[in-house]
Amino acid sequence: MKKTFKGASVVAIAAMSASTLIAGIAGAAQGDGKKGDIDLVTPTASIAFGGSSFSAPFVTFMANKANAGAYNNPNATFGSNSAAGSGDGRSGVTGGTYQIGFSDQPMNLAAGTLPTGVNPADYTQIPLALGGAVVAYNLPGKDGLKLTAATIALIYNGKITKWNDAAIAATNPGVTLPNTTITVEYRSASSGTTYAFTDYLAKATQGKTPTGASSAVMEGTGKLWGAGTTGTVAAASNNASMASQINSTEGAIGYVEYSYLLVPGNHLQAAQLQGTDGKFMAPTLTNIANAAAASLKTITTDNFSITYLPGKNVWPFATYTWAIIKNVQTDAAKGELAVKFLDYFVQGGQLKAAANGFVALPKAIQVSDHKALAKVKDATGKVLLSQKK
């Protein structure tokens, strides 16, 4: 199933206010979370979801009714978010464990993200959250180090093992670097953040890396990358685990979603990275938003990458998280709750994106998401998003 977010109306949509957008696509209140929003009225139901740890902070916030701006539906109950990785999100929703699976890449055969035997046409896949990842490290007193993609690749390939290596010193003149061993952090299971990381490295080094974009485990004995056999490595189960391990291990380096920099108690340092123009920049929500703006007219389930795009101050390590849901819901109550939760998330919920370390979805994508969700039906053919109770 291929969804394209483009058209002559993009400029007009971008100029609309949030209130006008919601009124225009879904009636006076649907999706804004205010009184009369039918997204907040469903049968009593409990649903399970899981997957991407990249978007987990935002998803967990939105599912917690104690939070202002969350999905405050009195009839809704949510299971705990597994945050076990994008691979878990895809296999969970296609295997029937989850009503919603979260993945940093949509299911796509060419990208290697389509579970065996699954027809993607049976699923609705929508961009749910927009964020950036960072190359994080722990080197006290050395904030904002500049690291090229080539240097990062050499670290993950086991060719650079000390922080005072000449390649690191070359982009950080005047900084006294310690002879500290680098501990390379990697994800121990299929990971959407790993996919975006390797995609960024492949593009930024013109393919001079062991592999292109892949969500597979990078390190460890026998893997394509070399640090697992020549250097010091440590496995992490998800973004939260990697952030914790970097935080507690002097000399560690890894890759985590931007919002993990904001977690109280974390003292992660984020490297400056180069854009396509060669200029270094620090990660900011503005730079991450620039990546979305650079890709707005081309994002589809077949062309979904927003890493290393041209433009001024465009963060090179950005990605969407996609929500995946079956087109036909055999349990109507659970299905209605799932689509209405997602519909609120991609509209009114985006007002809470920045507070959770994410960027609000472009308005054109909010519109397309709503239209896609409006096609999800129950087993009798009824559209679940438009049902009032």
Protein backbone atom coordinates (compact mmCIF):
# COMPACT_ATOMS: atom_id res chain seq x y z
CA MET A 1 0.00 0.00 0.00
CA LYS A 2 1.52 3.31 -1.06
CA LYS A 3 0.56 6.67 0.37
CA THR A 4 1.87 9.91 -1.10
CA PHE A 5 1.72 13.22 0.71
CA LYS A 6 1.86 15.78 -2.06
CA GLY A 7 -0.25 17.92 -4.35
CA ALA A 8 -1.10 21.45 -5.29
CA SER A 9 -2.79 22.05 -1.94
CA VAL A 10 0.37 21.58 0.16
CA VAL A 11 1.20 25.28 0.33
CA ALA A 12 -2.35 26.21 1.22
CA ILE A 13 -2.53 23.52 3.88
CA ALA A 14 0.74 24.64 5.45
CA ALA A 15 -0.68 28.13 5.85
CA MET A 16 -3.81 26.98 7.67
CA SER A 17 -4.08 27.34 11.42
CA ALA A 18 -4.43 24.17 13.48
CA SER A 19 -8.06 24.96 14.31
CA THR A 20 -8.95 25.59 10.67
CA LEU A 21 -7.21 22.37 9.64
CA ILE A 22 -9.13 20.24 12.11
CA ALA A 23 -12.44 21.85 11.24
CA GLY A 24 -11.74 21.44 7.54
CA ILE A 25 -10.92 17.74 7.59
CA ALA A 26 -13.03 16.24 10.30
CA GLY A 27 -15.88 18.47 11.43
CA ALA A 28 -15.87 21.15 14.07
CA ALA A 29 -14.13 19.22 16.81
CA GLN A 30 -12.88 15.82 15.75
CA GLY A 31 -9.24 15.38 16.63
CA ASP A 32 -8.78 18.46 18.82
CA GLY A 33 -9.47 16.76 22.16
CA LYS A 34 -11.94 19.42 23.24
CA LYS A 35 -15.58 19.02 24.26
CA GLY A 36 -17.53 17.33 21.49
CA ASP A 37 -14.53 15.56 19.94
CA ILE A 38 -15.95 12.18 18.91
CA ASP A 39 -12.47 10.69 18.95
CA LEU A 40 -12.83 10.66 22.75
CA VAL A 41 -16.11 8.70 22.63
CA THR A 42 -15.71 4.95 22.10
CA PRO A 43 -17.03 1.70 23.54
CA THR A 44 -15.18 0.50 26.63
CA ALA A 45 -12.14 -1.28 25.28
CA SER A 46 -8.55 -2.17 25.99
CA ILE A 47 -5.90 -2.32 23.31
CA ALA A 48 -2.28 -3.40 23.12
CA PHE A 49 0.45 -1.65 21.18
CA GLY A 50 4.21 -1.64 21.03
CA GLY A 51 7.34 -1.41 18.94
CA SER A 52 9.52 1.62 18.30
CA SER A 53 11.49 2.84 21.31
CA PHE A 54 12.30 5.97 19.28
CA SER A 55 8.73 7.26 19.67
CA ALA A 56 8.05 5.57 23.02
CA PRO A 57 8.34 8.73 25.17
CA PHE A 58 5.69 10.49 23.06
CA VAL A 59 3.40 7.45 22.75
CA THR A 60 3.60 6.73 26.48
CA PHE A 61 2.76 10.36 27.25
CA MET A 62 -0.25 10.33 24.92
CA ALA A 63 -1.65 7.11 26.41
CA ASN A 64 -1.44 8.36 29.99
CA LYS A 65 -4.74 10.07 30.82
CA ALA A 66 -3.12 11.84 33.76
CA ASN A 67 -1.20 14.06 31.33
CA ALA A 68 -2.74 17.28 30.06
CA GLY A 69 -3.18 16.96 26.33
CA ALA A 70 -3.08 13.15 26.37
CA TYR A 71 -5.84 10.96 24.96
CA ASN A 72 -8.30 11.49 27.81
CA ASN A 73 -10.97 8.95 26.84
CA PRO A 74 -12.66 7.51 29.96
CA ASN A 75 -13.51 4.27 28.15
CA ALA A 76 -9.95 3.60 26.97
CA THR A 77 -7.41 1.30 28.55
CA PHE A 78 -3.96 0.78 27.10
CA GLY A 79 -1.50 -1.98 27.77
CA SER A 80 2.06 -0.99 28.57
CA ASN A 81 4.19 0.03 25.61
CA SER A 82 6.80 -2.66 24.98
CA ALA A 83 9.24 -0.20 23.33
CA ALA A 84 11.11 -3.31 22.21
CA GLY A 85 12.01 -1.91 18.80
CA SER A 86 10.51 -1.38 15.38
CA GLY A 87 10.86 -5.03 14.42
CA ASP A 88 8.69 -5.93 17.40
CA GLY A 89 6.11 -3.36 16.31
CA ARG A 90 5.85 -4.82 12.82
CA SER A 91 5.74 -8.45 13.93
CA GLY A 92 3.37 -7.63 16.79
CA VAL A 93 0.68 -6.00 14.65
CA THR A 94 0.95 -8.51 11.81
CA GLY A 95 0.93 -11.42 14.26
CA GLY A 96 -2.12 -10.13 16.12
CA THR A 97 -0.41 -9.28 19.43
CA TYR A 98 -0.92 -5.55 18.97
CA GLN A 99 -3.82 -3.49 17.63
CA ILE A 100 -1.20 -0.86 16.69
CA GLY A 101 2.42 -1.47 15.83
CA PHE A 102 4.95 1.37 15.87
CA SER A 103 7.90 1.26 13.50
CA ASP A 104 10.39 3.89 12.44
CA GLN A 105 10.05 2.59 8.91
CA PRO A 106 6.86 1.37 7.25
CA MET A 107 6.59 -2.23 6.13
CA ASN A 108 8.41 -2.30 2.82
CA LEU A 109 9.84 -5.29 0.96
CA ALA A 110 12.74 -3.44 -0.66
CA ALA A 111 13.79 -1.97 2.68
CA GLY A 112 13.74 -5.38 4.37
CA THR A 113 11.05 -4.28 6.83
CA LEU A 114 8.18 -6.48 5.59
CA PRO A 115 7.53 -9.58 7.72
CA THR A 116 7.48 -12.82 5.76
CA GLY A 117 4.12 -13.69 4.25
CA VAL A 118 2.56 -10.28 4.97
CA ASN A 119 0.72 -8.27 2.31
CA PRO A 120 1.22 -4.56 3.13
CA ALA A 121 -2.01 -3.76 1.25
CA ASP A 122 -3.87 -5.28 4.23
CA TYR A 123 -2.56 -2.54 6.52
CA THR A 124 -2.86 1.21 6.93
CA GLN A 125 0.52 2.82 7.62
CA ILE A 126 0.76 6.47 8.64
CA PRO A 127 3.53 8.77 9.88
CA LEU A 128 2.75 9.28 13.56
CA ALA A 129 5.66 11.13 15.13
CA LEU A 130 8.54 13.16 13.77
CA GLY A 131 11.84 13.22 15.58
CA GLY A 132 15.58 13.28 15.29
CA ALA A 133 18.21 10.97 16.67
CA VAL A 134 21.61 12.00 17.93
CA VAL A 135 25.05 10.48 18.21
CA ALA A 136 25.42 10.56 21.98
CA TYR A 137 28.54 10.01 24.01
CA ASN A 138 30.00 10.28 27.53
CA LEU A 139 33.24 12.23 27.77
CA PRO A 140 33.18 14.62 30.74
CA GLY A 141 34.12 18.19 29.89
CA LYS A 142 34.06 17.62 26.13
CA ASP A 143 30.60 18.82 25.09
CA GLY A 144 29.63 19.35 21.48
CA LEU A 145 32.42 17.39 19.81
CA LYS A 146 32.33 17.49 16.02
CA LEU A 147 32.21 14.03 14.45
CA THR A 148 32.10 13.33 10.74
CA ALA A 149 30.07 10.42 9.40
CA ALA A 150 33.31 8.83 8.20
CA THR A 151 34.75 8.98 11.72
CA ILE A 152 31.59 7.54 13.26
CA ALA A 153 31.65 4.71 10.72
CA LEU A 154 35.28 3.95 11.57
CA ILE A 155 34.38 3.83 15.27
CA TYR A 156 31.57 1.35 14.59
CA ASN A 157 33.82 -0.62 12.30
CA GLY A 158 36.45 -1.02 15.00
CA LYS A 159 39.09 1.09 13.24
CA ILE A 160 39.03 3.88 15.83
CA THR A 161 39.16 2.67 19.44
CA LYS A 162 40.43 5.68 21.42
CA TRP A 163 38.91 9.13 21.89
CA ASN A 164 42.22 10.88 21.16
CA ASP A 165 42.45 9.31 17.70
CA ALA A 166 43.83 11.64 15.03
CA ALA A 167 40.57 11.57 13.06
CA ILE A 168 38.59 12.91 16.03
CA ALA A 169 41.28 15.47 16.88
CA ALA A 170 41.28 16.76 13.30
CA THR A 171 37.70 18.06 13.54
CA ASN A 172 38.13 19.35 17.09
CA PRO A 173 41.22 21.61 17.04
CA GLY A 174 42.17 23.05 20.40
CA VAL A 175 40.34 20.32 22.32
CA THR A 176 42.51 18.08 24.49
CA LEU A 177 41.10 14.59 24.03
CA PRO A 178 41.73 11.81 26.56
CA ASN A 179 43.26 8.42 25.76
CA THR A 180 39.98 6.83 26.80
CA THR A 181 38.79 3.57 25.25
CA ILE A 182 35.61 3.97 23.19
CA THR A 183 32.77 1.66 24.18
CA VAL A 184 30.58 1.19 21.11
CA GLU A 185 26.90 0.85 21.99
CA TYR A 186 24.65 -1.05 19.58
CA ARG A 187 21.10 -2.36 19.54
CA SER A 188 20.69 -6.07 20.30
CA ALA A 189 17.54 -6.58 18.18
CA SER A 190 15.92 -5.20 15.03
CA SER A 191 15.79 -1.43 15.46
CA GLY A 192 14.34 1.42 13.45
CA THR A 193 16.87 3.79 14.99
CA THR A 194 19.64 1.49 13.74
CA TYR A 195 18.05 1.65 10.28
CA ALA A 196 18.09 5.46 10.30
CA PHE A 197 21.64 5.47 11.71
CA THR A 198 23.04 3.18 9.04
CA ASP A 199 21.03 5.01 6.36
CA TYR A 200 22.59 8.30 7.45
CA LEU A 201 26.10 6.81 7.52
CA ALA A 202 25.71 5.20 4.10
CA LYS A 203 24.54 8.45 2.49
CA ALA A 204 26.99 10.72 4.25
CA THR A 205 30.00 8.52 3.39
CA GLN A 206 28.85 7.90 -0.19
CA GLY A 207 28.38 4.22 0.55
CA LYS A 208 31.82 3.68 2.09
CA THR A 209 30.38 1.69 4.99
CA PRO A 210 29.95 -2.06 5.53
CA THR A 211 26.26 -1.95 4.66
CA GLY A 212 23.53 0.43 3.60
CA ALA A 213 20.39 1.08 5.62
CA SER A 214 19.51 -1.91 7.79
CA SER A 215 17.60 -2.46 11.00
CA ALA A 216 19.61 -5.61 11.75
CA VAL A 217 22.04 -5.90 14.67
CA MET A 218 25.24 -4.02 13.76
CA GLU A 219 27.78 -5.42 16.17
CA GLY A 220 28.74 -8.65 17.86
CA THR A 221 30.77 -11.57 16.54
CA GLY A 222 30.16 -12.25 12.87
CA LYS A 223 28.24 -9.05 12.10
CA LEU A 224 29.00 -6.78 9.14
CA TRP A 225 30.43 -4.02 11.34
CA GLY A 226 33.80 -4.65 12.97
CA ALA A 227 33.83 -3.15 16.46
CA GLY A 228 32.35 -6.36 17.81
CA THR A 229 35.56 -8.23 17.01
CA THR A 230 38.25 -5.57 17.36
CA GLY A 231 37.00 -3.16 20.01
CA THR A 232 34.88 -2.75 23.12
CA VAL A 233 31.13 -3.08 22.53
CA ALA A 234 27.96 -3.18 24.62
CA ALA A 235 24.47 -4.29 23.57
CA ALA A 236 21.33 -2.31 24.42
CA SER A 237 17.76 -3.54 24.06
CA ASN A 238 16.16 -0.19 23.16
CA ASN A 239 16.69 3.58 23.12
CA ALA A 240 16.14 3.92 26.86
CA SER A 241 18.64 1.16 27.61
CA MET A 242 21.24 2.66 25.29
CA ALA A 243 20.78 6.11 26.82
CA SER A 244 21.20 4.63 30.30
CA GLN A 245 24.33 2.70 29.35
CA ILE A 246 25.96 5.70 27.69
CA ASN A 247 25.07 7.80 30.71
CA SER A 248 26.82 5.39 33.07
CA THR A 249 29.84 4.44 30.92
CA GLU A 250 32.62 6.97 30.47
CA GLY A 251 33.93 6.73 26.93
CA ALA A 252 30.74 5.25 25.49
CA ILE A 253 29.19 6.30 22.17
CA GLY A 254 25.80 5.38 20.70
CA TYR A 255 22.70 6.68 18.96
CA VAL A 256 19.44 7.62 20.65
CA GLU A 257 16.31 9.64 19.94
CA TYR A 258 16.62 13.34 20.75
CA SER A 259 14.04 13.27 23.56
CA TYR A 260 16.31 11.02 25.65
CA LEU A 261 18.63 14.01 26.04
CA LEU A 262 15.83 15.67 27.99
CA VAL A 263 15.22 12.86 30.50
CA PRO A 264 15.95 14.02 34.08
CA GLY A 265 19.09 12.35 35.36
CA ASN A 266 20.57 11.83 31.90
CA HIS A 267 23.73 13.77 31.17
CA LEU A 268 24.22 12.69 27.60
CA GLN A 269 26.42 14.72 25.31
CA ALA A 270 25.38 15.05 21.67
CA ALA A 271 27.88 15.30 18.84
CA GLN A 272 27.66 17.98 16.20
CA LEU A 273 27.05 16.41 12.78
CA GLN A 274 27.55 17.69 9.25
CA GLY A 275 24.79 18.51 6.82
CA THR A 276 25.13 17.92 3.09
CA ASP A 277 26.88 21.30 2.83
CA GLY A 278 29.64 20.07 5.15
CA LYS A 279 28.77 22.50 7.93
CA PHE A 280 28.53 21.16 11.48
CA MET A 281 25.40 21.73 13.52
CA ALA A 282 24.03 20.79 16.92
CA PRO A 283 20.71 18.92 17.16
CA THR A 284 17.68 21.16 17.72
CA LEU A 285 13.97 20.77 17.10
CA THR A 286 14.25 23.48 14.45
CA ASN A 287 16.93 21.56 12.54
CA ILE A 288 14.88 18.36 12.81
CA ALA A 289 11.82 20.20 11.48
CA ASN A 290 13.94 21.34 8.54
CA ALA A 291 14.43 17.68 7.58
CA ALA A 292 10.66 17.23 7.37
CA ALA A 293 10.27 20.39 5.32
CA ALA A 294 12.92 19.15 2.88
CA SER A 295 11.04 15.88 2.34
CA LEU A 296 7.37 16.92 2.60
CA LYS A 297 6.45 16.45 -1.04
CA THR A 298 8.06 13.06 -1.47
CA ILE A 299 7.38 10.94 1.62
CA THR A 300 5.63 7.66 0.85
CA THR A 301 5.67 4.11 2.21
CA ASP A 302 8.17 3.36 -0.56
CA ASN A 303 10.23 6.55 -0.17
CA PHE A 304 10.23 7.28 3.55
CA SER A 305 13.79 8.21 4.49
CA ILE A 306 14.44 11.77 5.68
CA THR A 307 18.12 11.33 6.55
CA TYR A 308 20.89 13.48 5.08
CA LEU A 309 18.72 15.72 2.93
CA PRO A 310 20.02 18.90 1.27
CA GLY A 311 19.28 22.33 2.67
CA LYS A 312 20.50 24.80 5.25
CA ASN A 313 20.57 23.56 8.86
CA VAL A 314 18.85 20.28 7.97
CA TRP A 315 19.55 17.71 10.68
CA PRO A 316 20.97 14.65 8.88
CA PHE A 317 19.74 12.03 11.35
CA ALA A 318 15.94 12.43 11.41
CA THR A 319 13.08 10.00 10.94
CA TYR A 320 9.36 9.47 11.28
CA THR A 321 7.76 6.76 13.37
CA TRP A 322 4.90 5.06 11.54
CA ALA A 323 1.78 3.60 13.09
CA ILE A 324 0.59 0.36 11.49
CA ILE A 325 -2.96 -0.97 11.86
CA LYS A 326 -4.96 -3.63 10.04
CA ASN A 327 -7.44 -2.31 7.50
CA VAL A 328 -10.16 -4.66 8.77
CA GLN A 329 -10.66 -4.90 12.52
CA THR A 330 -12.31 -8.12 13.68
CA ASP A 331 -12.99 -6.64 17.14
CA ALA A 332 -14.99 -3.49 16.37
CA ALA A 333 -14.65 -1.94 19.85
CA LYS A 334 -10.88 -2.33 19.95
CA GLY A 335 -10.58 -1.21 16.36
CA GLU A 336 -12.61 1.93 17.00
CA LEU A 337 -10.48 2.82 20.00
CA ALA A 338 -7.28 2.21 18.02
CA VAL A 339 -8.20 4.46 15.09
CA LYS A 340 -9.62 7.21 17.29
CA PHE A 341 -6.52 7.19 19.48
CA LEU A 342 -4.36 7.55 16.37
CA ASP A 343 -6.62 10.21 14.88
CA TYR A 344 -6.33 12.37 17.99
CA PHE A 345 -2.60 11.67 18.22
CA VAL A 346 -1.87 12.99 14.71
CA GLN A 347 -3.98 16.12 15.19
CA GLY A 348 -4.55 17.64 18.63
CA GLY A 349 -1.83 15.48 20.13
CA GLN A 350 0.80 17.20 17.99
CA LEU A 351 0.46 20.25 20.23
CA LYS A 352 2.43 18.19 22.78
CA ALA A 353 5.16 17.13 20.37
CA ALA A 354 7.74 19.74 21.33
CA ALA A 355 7.26 19.16 25.06
CA ASN A 356 8.17 15.53 24.46
CA GLY A 357 11.21 16.23 22.31
CA PHE A 358 9.50 15.81 18.92
CA VAL A 359 8.42 18.05 16.05
CA ALA A 360 4.76 18.49 15.18
CA LEU A 361 3.77 16.65 12.01
CA PRO A 362 3.49 18.88 8.94
CA LYS A 363 -0.13 19.86 8.39
CA ALA A 364 -0.30 18.10 5.02
CA ILE A 365 0.66 14.83 6.70
CA GLN A 366 -1.95 15.34 9.42
CA VAL A 367 -4.57 15.67 6.69
CA SER A 368 -3.39 12.56 4.86
CA ASP A 369 -3.21 10.57 8.11
CA HIS A 370 -6.83 11.41 8.94
CA LYS A 371 -8.01 10.40 5.48
CA ALA A 372 -6.13 7.11 5.70
CA LEU A 373 -7.57 6.26 9.13
CA ALA A 374 -11.06 7.01 7.86
CA LYS A 375 -10.76 3.94 5.62
CA VAL A 376 -10.24 1.43 8.46
CA LYS A 377 -13.37 -0.69 8.90
CA ASP A 378 -14.81 -3.41 11.08
CA ALA A 379 -15.68 -6.87 9.77
CA THR A 380 -19.11 -5.69 8.59
CA GLY A 381 -17.63 -2.90 6.48
CA LYS A 382 -18.46 0.01 8.80
CA VAL A 383 -15.95 2.84 8.96
CA LEU A 384 -14.73 2.97 12.56
CA LEU A 385 -13.48 6.54 12.73
CA SER A 386 -16.86 8.12 11.95
CA GLN A 387 -18.96 6.08 14.38
CA LYS A 388 -20.58 8.04 17.21
CA LYS A 389 -21.68 6.38 20.47
